[in-house]
């Protein structure tokens, strides 16, 4: 997940003119006093009196289709970059398997794998869960809710658990029931470190269980004690992974280590990215149908397709290196939080040209960041979901 630094205090107001369903109250975010809010509950109430879905139907659904089209393209680009290469360049899988480019040894490739796992364990515990909790503890209740990633769909807990599953897959060389012959875990067991391999797997599973044990939806229970349990489990996992990385320098046997890297690519990375590509193609098809024939049924179908496409993305966040980073595909697909005012302007104008950027990716380029903040999974999530449910057409 690529985070942009944005002002989010006007979120409710910015979206009042362009939602699919109607509420009757004034523009405001209703937050109970802390003594009545032991779990951090916040309710968002949006005034729809200025406009309704019928007024914005064409732009709303065409915007969703424009976003899903770009998600489809980005997912295709990512898979192709790893699988066969782009613009005459070597496929990244070969760069990684054959220890070329930035990689000096098979050990450095394995360190890269573990670094990706450390990064996402830290991000889930410290940022995705920790940032909202920190805001809540500082009585910034509204900001806390809006800091929760994937709160439009109430999908946060599933996302975070799948992030940790990307670590599980990377360590054990597994994906969707397929087991690689070579893995970091298997290397440890073969070299007298079975107990440590079990410790790593136990820390991974504890983190998954703790996240899935959080009170749901997370955006309504930020202050629940289960949140602290999940944060602590992620921190423990991060530290265990750091210990694992420290051991990699002593790993020996070039052929054995290269086999670990090769199986990691073939069993984990490529199948995950292939699923991402196929699921986003299906998502775009569902959103295209929605744009052609808006209805409660087509909104629901598109929302369910979003949920399906989201899973392989979250299960890829343990390996956000290579093309996904170098080509800017992570922020293209997963920038958070959104630029709500810019999204409102797109909906009002029907001009989707601002979603695109060109040239080499530069994360310091404000023009690129502006484009990325109005596209991707979370923009589409806002367009398809409201309060955890597919949007409905009501006049």
Protein backbone atom coordinates (compact mmCIF):
# COMPACT_ATOMS: atom_id res chain seq x y z
CA UNK A 1 0.00 0.00 0.00
CA UNK A 2 1.35 3.38 -0.99
CA UNK A 3 0.34 6.11 1.43
CA UNK A 4 -0.14 9.69 0.30
CA UNK A 5 -0.13 12.56 2.78
CA UNK A 6 -3.47 14.28 2.30
CA UNK A 7 -5.85 16.49 4.21
CA UNK A 8 -8.88 14.32 5.04
CA UNK A 9 -10.93 16.51 7.34
CA UNK A 10 -13.41 17.42 4.61
CA UNK A 11 -14.21 13.88 3.53
CA UNK A 12 -17.88 13.84 4.43
CA UNK A 13 -18.55 17.27 2.94
CA UNK A 14 -16.64 16.50 -0.25
CA UNK A 15 -18.79 13.50 -1.06
CA UNK A 16 -22.22 14.96 -0.31
CA UNK A 17 -23.18 15.64 -3.92
CA UNK A 18 -22.24 12.38 -5.55
CA UNK A 19 -23.37 9.33 -3.62
CA UNK A 20 -25.79 6.64 -4.78
CA UNK A 21 -28.06 6.51 -1.77
CA UNK A 22 -29.83 9.06 0.34
CA UNK A 23 -29.53 9.99 3.98
CA UNK A 24 -31.52 12.74 5.62
CA UNK A 25 -29.26 14.40 8.19
CA UNK A 26 -26.98 17.40 7.78
CA UNK A 27 -23.36 17.05 6.67
CA UNK A 28 -21.56 15.84 9.74
CA UNK A 29 -19.64 13.05 11.30
CA UNK A 30 -21.36 11.87 14.43
CA UNK A 31 -18.91 10.69 17.05
CA UNK A 32 -20.12 9.74 20.49
CA UNK A 33 -18.20 11.13 23.45
CA UNK A 34 -15.38 8.89 24.59
CA UNK A 35 -17.26 7.71 27.66
CA UNK A 36 -19.95 6.33 25.35
CA UNK A 37 -17.48 5.01 22.82
CA UNK A 38 -15.28 2.37 24.47
CA UNK A 39 -14.41 0.75 21.14
CA UNK A 40 -13.87 3.83 19.00
CA UNK A 41 -17.17 3.69 17.15
CA UNK A 42 -17.89 6.48 14.68
CA UNK A 43 -20.87 6.83 12.36
CA UNK A 44 -20.74 8.77 9.10
CA UNK A 45 -23.92 10.48 7.98
CA UNK A 46 -23.97 12.12 4.54
CA UNK A 47 -26.54 14.60 3.28
CA UNK A 48 -27.83 13.72 -0.20
CA UNK A 49 -30.32 16.53 -0.58
CA UNK A 50 -28.23 18.48 -3.12
CA UNK A 51 -28.08 15.66 -5.69
CA UNK A 52 -28.94 12.02 -6.14
CA UNK A 53 -27.51 9.15 -8.10
CA UNK A 54 -29.72 9.85 -11.13
CA UNK A 55 -28.05 13.25 -11.54
CA UNK A 56 -24.56 11.71 -11.59
CA UNK A 57 -25.28 8.25 -12.91
CA UNK A 58 -23.30 8.48 -16.14
CA UNK A 59 -20.19 10.06 -14.66
CA UNK A 60 -20.32 7.88 -11.55
CA UNK A 61 -20.41 4.59 -13.38
CA UNK A 62 -18.09 5.71 -16.18
CA UNK A 63 -15.58 6.78 -13.53
CA UNK A 64 -15.78 3.31 -11.99
CA UNK A 65 -15.17 1.79 -15.42
CA UNK A 66 -12.21 4.11 -16.04
CA UNK A 67 -10.65 3.09 -12.73
CA UNK A 68 -11.25 -0.63 -13.26
CA UNK A 69 -9.76 -0.36 -16.77
CA UNK A 70 -6.55 1.05 -15.33
CA UNK A 71 -6.46 -1.59 -12.60
CA UNK A 72 -6.76 -4.23 -15.31
CA UNK A 73 -3.91 -2.68 -17.28
CA UNK A 74 -1.68 -2.32 -14.22
CA UNK A 75 -2.23 -5.93 -13.21
CA UNK A 76 -1.42 -7.09 -16.74
CA UNK A 77 1.73 -4.95 -16.77
CA UNK A 78 2.88 -6.34 -13.43
CA UNK A 79 2.45 -9.96 -14.46
CA UNK A 80 4.10 -9.38 -17.83
CA UNK A 81 7.07 -7.58 -16.25
CA UNK A 82 7.75 -10.60 -14.05
CA UNK A 83 6.82 -13.31 -16.53
CA UNK A 84 8.16 -12.17 -19.89
CA UNK A 85 9.61 -8.67 -19.58
CA UNK A 86 8.57 -5.25 -20.87
CA UNK A 87 9.90 -3.23 -23.80
CA UNK A 88 12.61 -5.73 -24.62
CA UNK A 89 13.90 -5.93 -21.06
CA UNK A 90 14.60 -9.21 -19.34
CA UNK A 91 11.74 -10.74 -17.37
CA UNK A 92 12.20 -9.87 -13.73
CA UNK A 93 11.85 -13.52 -12.79
CA UNK A 94 15.10 -14.22 -14.64
CA UNK A 95 16.86 -11.27 -13.00
CA UNK A 96 15.87 -12.68 -9.64
CA UNK A 97 16.40 -16.38 -10.32
CA UNK A 98 19.75 -15.87 -12.02
CA UNK A 99 20.98 -13.37 -9.40
CA UNK A 100 21.54 -10.43 -11.72
CA UNK A 101 21.09 -6.70 -11.49
CA UNK A 102 20.98 -5.49 -7.90
CA UNK A 103 21.45 -9.02 -6.53
CA UNK A 104 24.97 -10.17 -5.72
CA UNK A 105 24.25 -13.70 -4.50
CA UNK A 106 21.36 -16.08 -3.83
CA UNK A 107 21.64 -14.97 -0.22
CA UNK A 108 20.86 -11.39 -1.26
CA UNK A 109 17.75 -12.61 -3.07
CA UNK A 110 16.59 -14.44 0.04
CA UNK A 111 17.31 -11.33 2.09
CA UNK A 112 15.08 -9.42 -0.35
CA UNK A 113 12.30 -11.95 0.22
CA UNK A 114 12.60 -11.56 3.99
CA UNK A 115 12.87 -7.76 3.77
CA UNK A 116 9.52 -7.73 1.97
CA UNK A 117 8.04 -9.82 4.77
CA UNK A 118 9.49 -7.55 7.46
CA UNK A 119 8.15 -4.47 5.69
CA UNK A 120 4.57 -5.72 5.46
CA UNK A 121 4.56 -7.09 9.03
CA UNK A 122 5.67 -3.67 10.20
CA UNK A 123 3.20 -1.84 7.97
CA UNK A 124 0.24 -3.88 9.15
CA UNK A 125 1.10 -3.49 12.82
CA UNK A 126 2.48 0.05 12.90
CA UNK A 127 0.57 1.78 10.09
CA UNK A 128 -2.56 -0.02 8.98
CA UNK A 129 -3.64 -0.89 12.51
CA UNK A 130 -1.35 1.30 14.59
CA UNK A 131 -2.01 4.68 12.95
CA UNK A 132 -5.79 4.60 13.51
CA UNK A 133 -5.27 3.30 17.05
CA UNK A 134 -2.79 6.08 17.82
CA UNK A 135 -5.22 8.72 16.57
CA UNK A 136 -8.03 7.17 18.60
CA UNK A 137 -5.94 7.14 21.77
CA UNK A 138 -5.21 10.82 21.16
CA UNK A 139 -8.98 11.43 20.93
CA UNK A 140 -8.82 12.21 17.22
CA UNK A 141 -11.78 9.95 16.62
CA UNK A 142 -12.83 11.22 13.22
CA UNK A 143 -9.27 11.11 11.88
CA UNK A 144 -8.90 7.62 13.30
CA UNK A 145 -11.83 6.29 11.31
CA UNK A 146 -10.66 7.88 8.06
CA UNK A 147 -7.16 6.47 8.60
CA UNK A 148 -8.53 2.91 8.39
CA UNK A 149 -7.69 1.43 5.02
CA UNK A 150 -10.57 -0.31 3.18
CA UNK A 151 -13.23 1.06 5.51
CA UNK A 152 -15.75 1.81 2.74
CA UNK A 153 -16.19 -1.93 2.22
CA UNK A 154 -15.48 -2.90 5.85
CA UNK A 155 -12.81 -5.16 4.37
CA UNK A 156 -9.89 -4.03 6.54
CA UNK A 157 -9.45 -7.12 8.70
CA UNK A 158 -9.50 -9.47 5.69
CA UNK A 159 -6.92 -7.27 3.94
CA UNK A 160 -4.56 -7.23 6.90
CA UNK A 161 -4.81 -10.98 7.45
CA UNK A 162 -4.07 -11.56 3.77
CA UNK A 163 -1.03 -9.31 4.07
CA UNK A 164 0.33 -11.67 6.72
CA UNK A 165 -0.57 -14.66 4.56
CA UNK A 166 1.78 -13.23 1.95
CA UNK A 167 4.52 -13.72 4.55
CA UNK A 168 3.34 -17.26 5.22
CA UNK A 169 3.42 -18.05 1.51
CA UNK A 170 6.87 -16.52 1.07
CA UNK A 171 8.44 -18.35 4.01
CA UNK A 172 6.94 -21.75 3.20
CA UNK A 173 6.80 -21.40 -0.59
CA UNK A 174 3.08 -22.09 -0.74
CA UNK A 175 0.13 -20.63 -2.59
CA UNK A 176 -3.44 -21.89 -2.77
CA UNK A 177 -2.56 -25.39 -1.64
CA UNK A 178 0.54 -25.74 -3.83
CA UNK A 179 3.78 -26.52 -1.96
CA UNK A 180 7.17 -25.73 -3.46
CA UNK A 181 9.95 -28.29 -3.14
CA UNK A 182 12.33 -25.66 -1.80
CA UNK A 183 11.64 -22.92 0.73
CA UNK A 184 13.28 -20.91 3.47
CA UNK A 185 11.39 -23.00 6.02
CA UNK A 186 12.57 -26.25 4.42
CA UNK A 187 16.17 -24.99 4.38
CA UNK A 188 16.04 -24.28 8.11
CA UNK A 189 14.62 -27.72 8.85
CA UNK A 190 17.25 -29.41 6.66
CA UNK A 191 20.05 -27.59 8.44
CA UNK A 192 19.22 -28.31 12.06
CA UNK A 193 16.94 -25.33 12.73
CA UNK A 194 13.54 -26.99 12.79
CA UNK A 195 12.66 -25.36 16.09
CA UNK A 196 13.31 -21.90 14.68
CA UNK A 197 11.31 -22.67 11.53
CA UNK A 198 8.40 -23.66 13.77
CA UNK A 199 8.86 -20.43 15.75
CA UNK A 200 8.56 -18.36 12.58
CA UNK A 201 5.45 -20.21 11.45
CA UNK A 202 3.93 -19.89 14.90
CA UNK A 203 4.51 -16.13 14.89
CA UNK A 204 2.93 -15.87 11.43
CA UNK A 205 -0.14 -17.86 12.46
CA UNK A 206 -0.51 -15.94 15.72
CA UNK A 207 -0.50 -12.67 13.79
CA UNK A 208 -3.15 -13.96 11.39
CA UNK A 209 -5.31 -15.26 14.23
CA UNK A 210 -4.94 -12.03 16.21
CA UNK A 211 -5.91 -9.89 13.24
CA UNK A 212 -8.89 -12.07 12.42
CA UNK A 213 -9.78 -11.93 16.12
CA UNK A 214 -10.15 -8.14 16.04
CA UNK A 215 -13.66 -6.81 16.62
CA UNK A 216 -15.23 -6.18 13.23
CA UNK A 217 -15.49 -3.93 11.39
CA UNK A 218 -12.21 -2.37 12.47
CA UNK A 219 -13.37 1.18 11.68
CA UNK A 220 -16.07 0.79 14.33
CA UNK A 221 -13.90 -0.83 17.02
CA UNK A 222 -10.59 1.00 16.87
CA UNK A 223 -10.42 1.21 20.66
CA UNK A 224 -11.15 -2.47 21.27
CA UNK A 225 -8.44 -4.35 23.24
CA UNK A 226 -8.23 -6.88 20.41
CA UNK A 227 -6.51 -4.17 18.35
CA UNK A 228 -3.58 -4.04 20.77
CA UNK A 229 -3.30 -7.83 20.67
CA UNK A 230 -3.03 -7.74 16.88
CA UNK A 231 -0.45 -4.95 16.95
CA UNK A 232 1.68 -6.86 19.44
CA UNK A 233 1.47 -10.03 17.36
CA UNK A 234 2.63 -8.16 14.26
CA UNK A 235 5.52 -6.65 16.20
CA UNK A 236 6.55 -10.07 17.48
CA UNK A 237 6.42 -11.41 13.93
CA UNK A 238 8.53 -8.52 12.67
CA UNK A 239 11.21 -9.22 15.27
CA UNK A 240 11.26 -12.94 14.52
CA UNK A 241 11.68 -12.13 10.83
CA UNK A 242 14.58 -9.81 11.65
CA UNK A 243 16.22 -12.70 13.47
CA UNK A 244 15.61 -14.84 10.39
CA UNK A 245 17.23 -12.28 8.11
CA UNK A 246 20.32 -12.18 10.33
CA UNK A 247 20.76 -15.91 9.72
CA UNK A 248 20.71 -15.65 5.92
CA UNK A 249 24.32 -14.51 5.60
CA UNK A 250 25.42 -17.90 6.93
CA UNK A 251 23.21 -19.90 4.53
CA UNK A 252 25.40 -22.07 2.29
CA UNK A 253 25.00 -24.09 -0.88
CA UNK A 254 24.50 -21.94 -3.97
CA UNK A 255 22.45 -24.52 -5.87
CA UNK A 256 20.15 -25.11 -2.90
CA UNK A 257 19.66 -21.38 -2.32
CA UNK A 258 18.98 -20.67 -6.00
CA UNK A 259 16.37 -23.46 -5.93
CA UNK A 260 14.64 -21.63 -3.06
CA UNK A 261 14.57 -18.42 -5.10
CA UNK A 262 13.31 -20.22 -8.22
CA UNK A 263 10.49 -22.00 -6.40
CA UNK A 264 9.53 -18.77 -4.66
CA UNK A 265 9.08 -17.12 -8.04
CA UNK A 266 7.31 -20.07 -9.69
CA UNK A 267 5.05 -21.12 -6.80
CA UNK A 268 4.34 -17.81 -5.03
CA UNK A 269 5.02 -14.67 -7.06
CA UNK A 270 3.92 -15.60 -10.57
CA UNK A 271 0.71 -17.45 -9.57
CA UNK A 272 -0.29 -14.59 -7.25
CA UNK A 273 0.24 -12.00 -9.96
CA UNK A 274 -1.54 -14.19 -12.52
CA UNK A 275 -4.55 -14.41 -10.21
CA UNK A 276 -4.37 -10.64 -9.76
CA UNK A 277 -4.38 -10.13 -13.52
CA UNK A 278 -7.29 -12.50 -14.13
CA UNK A 279 -9.35 -11.18 -11.21
CA UNK A 280 -8.93 -7.59 -12.36
CA UNK A 281 -9.99 -8.54 -15.87
CA UNK A 282 -13.15 -10.01 -14.35
CA UNK A 283 -13.60 -6.93 -12.17
CA UNK A 284 -13.38 -4.64 -15.19
CA UNK A 285 -15.95 -6.76 -16.99
CA UNK A 286 -18.35 -6.50 -14.04
CA UNK A 287 -17.87 -2.73 -13.82
CA UNK A 288 -18.37 -2.40 -17.58
CA UNK A 289 -21.73 -4.13 -17.17
CA UNK A 290 -22.54 -1.77 -14.30
CA UNK A 291 -21.72 1.27 -16.43
CA UNK A 292 -23.90 -0.03 -19.27
CA UNK A 293 -26.82 -0.99 -17.03
CA UNK A 294 -26.71 0.56 -13.53
CA UNK A 295 -28.86 -1.31 -11.04
CA UNK A 296 -28.67 -2.66 -7.52
CA UNK A 297 -27.84 -6.06 -9.00
CA UNK A 298 -24.97 -4.79 -11.17
CA UNK A 299 -23.61 -2.72 -8.26
CA UNK A 300 -23.60 -5.87 -6.13
CA UNK A 301 -21.90 -7.94 -8.84
CA UNK A 302 -19.21 -5.30 -9.30
CA UNK A 303 -18.68 -5.02 -5.54
CA UNK A 304 -18.26 -8.77 -5.20
CA UNK A 305 -15.79 -8.75 -8.11
CA UNK A 306 -13.85 -6.04 -6.26
CA UNK A 307 -13.62 -8.29 -3.19
CA UNK A 308 -12.29 -11.14 -5.33
CA UNK A 309 -9.72 -8.94 -7.09
CA UNK A 310 -8.59 -7.43 -3.80
CA UNK A 311 -7.46 -10.75 -2.31
CA UNK A 312 -4.46 -11.53 -4.58
CA UNK A 313 -3.32 -7.93 -4.31
CA UNK A 314 -3.22 -8.09 -0.52
CA UNK A 315 -1.51 -11.48 -0.72
CA UNK A 316 1.20 -9.91 -2.88
CA UNK A 317 2.16 -7.18 -0.42
CA UNK A 318 4.90 -9.33 1.07
CA UNK A 319 6.84 -8.83 -2.18
CA UNK A 320 6.49 -5.18 -3.10
CA UNK A 321 9.85 -5.08 -4.83
CA UNK A 322 10.90 -5.14 -8.46
CA UNK A 323 8.46 -3.89 -11.12
CA UNK A 324 5.61 -3.15 -8.70
CA UNK A 325 7.90 -0.63 -7.02
CA UNK A 326 10.03 0.55 -9.93
CA UNK A 327 7.09 1.18 -12.28
CA UNK A 328 4.90 2.88 -9.67
CA UNK A 329 2.31 0.13 -9.85
CA UNK A 330 1.83 -0.09 -6.09
CA UNK A 331 0.62 3.53 -5.74
CA UNK A 332 -1.22 3.25 -9.05
CA UNK A 333 -3.30 0.40 -7.64
CA UNK A 334 -3.35 1.02 -3.91
CA UNK A 335 -2.82 4.66 -2.92
CA UNK A 336 -4.40 5.53 0.43
CA UNK A 337 -5.87 7.81 1.65
CA UNK A 338 -7.69 9.21 -1.36
CA UNK A 339 -7.83 12.78 -2.59
CA UNK A 340 -11.51 13.23 -1.88
CA UNK A 341 -11.84 16.73 -3.33
CA UNK A 342 -10.20 15.65 -6.58
CA UNK A 343 -12.52 12.63 -6.80
CA UNK A 344 -15.49 14.94 -6.36
CA UNK A 345 -14.21 17.11 -9.20
CA UNK A 346 -13.83 14.09 -11.49
CA UNK A 347 -17.39 13.01 -10.73
CA UNK A 348 -18.71 16.49 -11.45
CA UNK A 349 -16.76 16.95 -14.68
CA UNK A 350 -16.70 13.45 -16.15
CA UNK A 351 -13.09 14.14 -17.20
CA UNK A 352 -10.97 11.06 -16.53
CA UNK A 353 -7.75 12.28 -18.15
CA UNK A 354 -6.32 13.16 -14.75
CA UNK A 355 -6.06 9.48 -13.85
CA UNK A 356 -3.12 9.03 -16.23
CA UNK A 357 0.54 9.99 -16.07
CA UNK A 358 3.51 9.36 -18.34
CA UNK A 359 7.28 9.07 -18.22
CA UNK A 360 9.47 7.32 -15.68
CA UNK A 361 7.98 6.87 -12.23
CA UNK A 362 9.19 9.30 -9.58
CA UNK A 363 7.54 9.10 -6.19
CA UNK A 364 8.48 12.74 -5.54
CA UNK A 365 6.60 13.92 -8.65
CA UNK A 366 3.45 15.66 -7.43
CA UNK A 367 1.70 15.32 -10.78
CA UNK A 368 2.10 11.54 -10.69
CA UNK A 369 0.97 11.42 -7.07
CA UNK A 370 -2.12 13.48 -7.94
CA UNK A 371 -3.08 11.00 -10.67
CA UNK A 372 -2.50 8.01 -8.41
CA UNK A 373 -4.67 9.44 -5.63
CA UNK A 374 -7.83 9.34 -7.78
CA UNK A 375 -7.52 5.81 -9.15
CA UNK A 376 -6.87 2.31 -7.89
CA UNK A 377 -8.62 -0.14 -5.60
CA UNK A 378 -9.68 2.40 -2.99
CA UNK A 379 -11.23 4.88 -5.42
CA UNK A 380 -13.19 2.01 -6.92
CA UNK A 381 -14.05 0.82 -3.42
CA UNK A 382 -15.59 4.20 -2.65
CA UNK A 383 -17.57 4.15 -5.89
CA UNK A 384 -18.92 0.63 -5.31
CA UNK A 385 -19.46 0.46 -1.54
CA UNK A 386 -21.11 2.44 1.21
CA UNK A 387 -20.98 1.49 4.89
CA UNK A 388 -19.77 -2.00 4.14
CA UNK A 389 -22.42 -2.84 1.54
CA UNK A 390 -22.69 -2.50 -2.24
CA UNK A 391 -24.22 0.85 -3.12
CA UNK A 392 -27.86 1.01 -4.04
CA UNK A 393 -29.73 3.18 -6.48
CA UNK A 394 -32.41 5.01 -4.50
CA UNK A 395 -34.18 8.22 -5.48
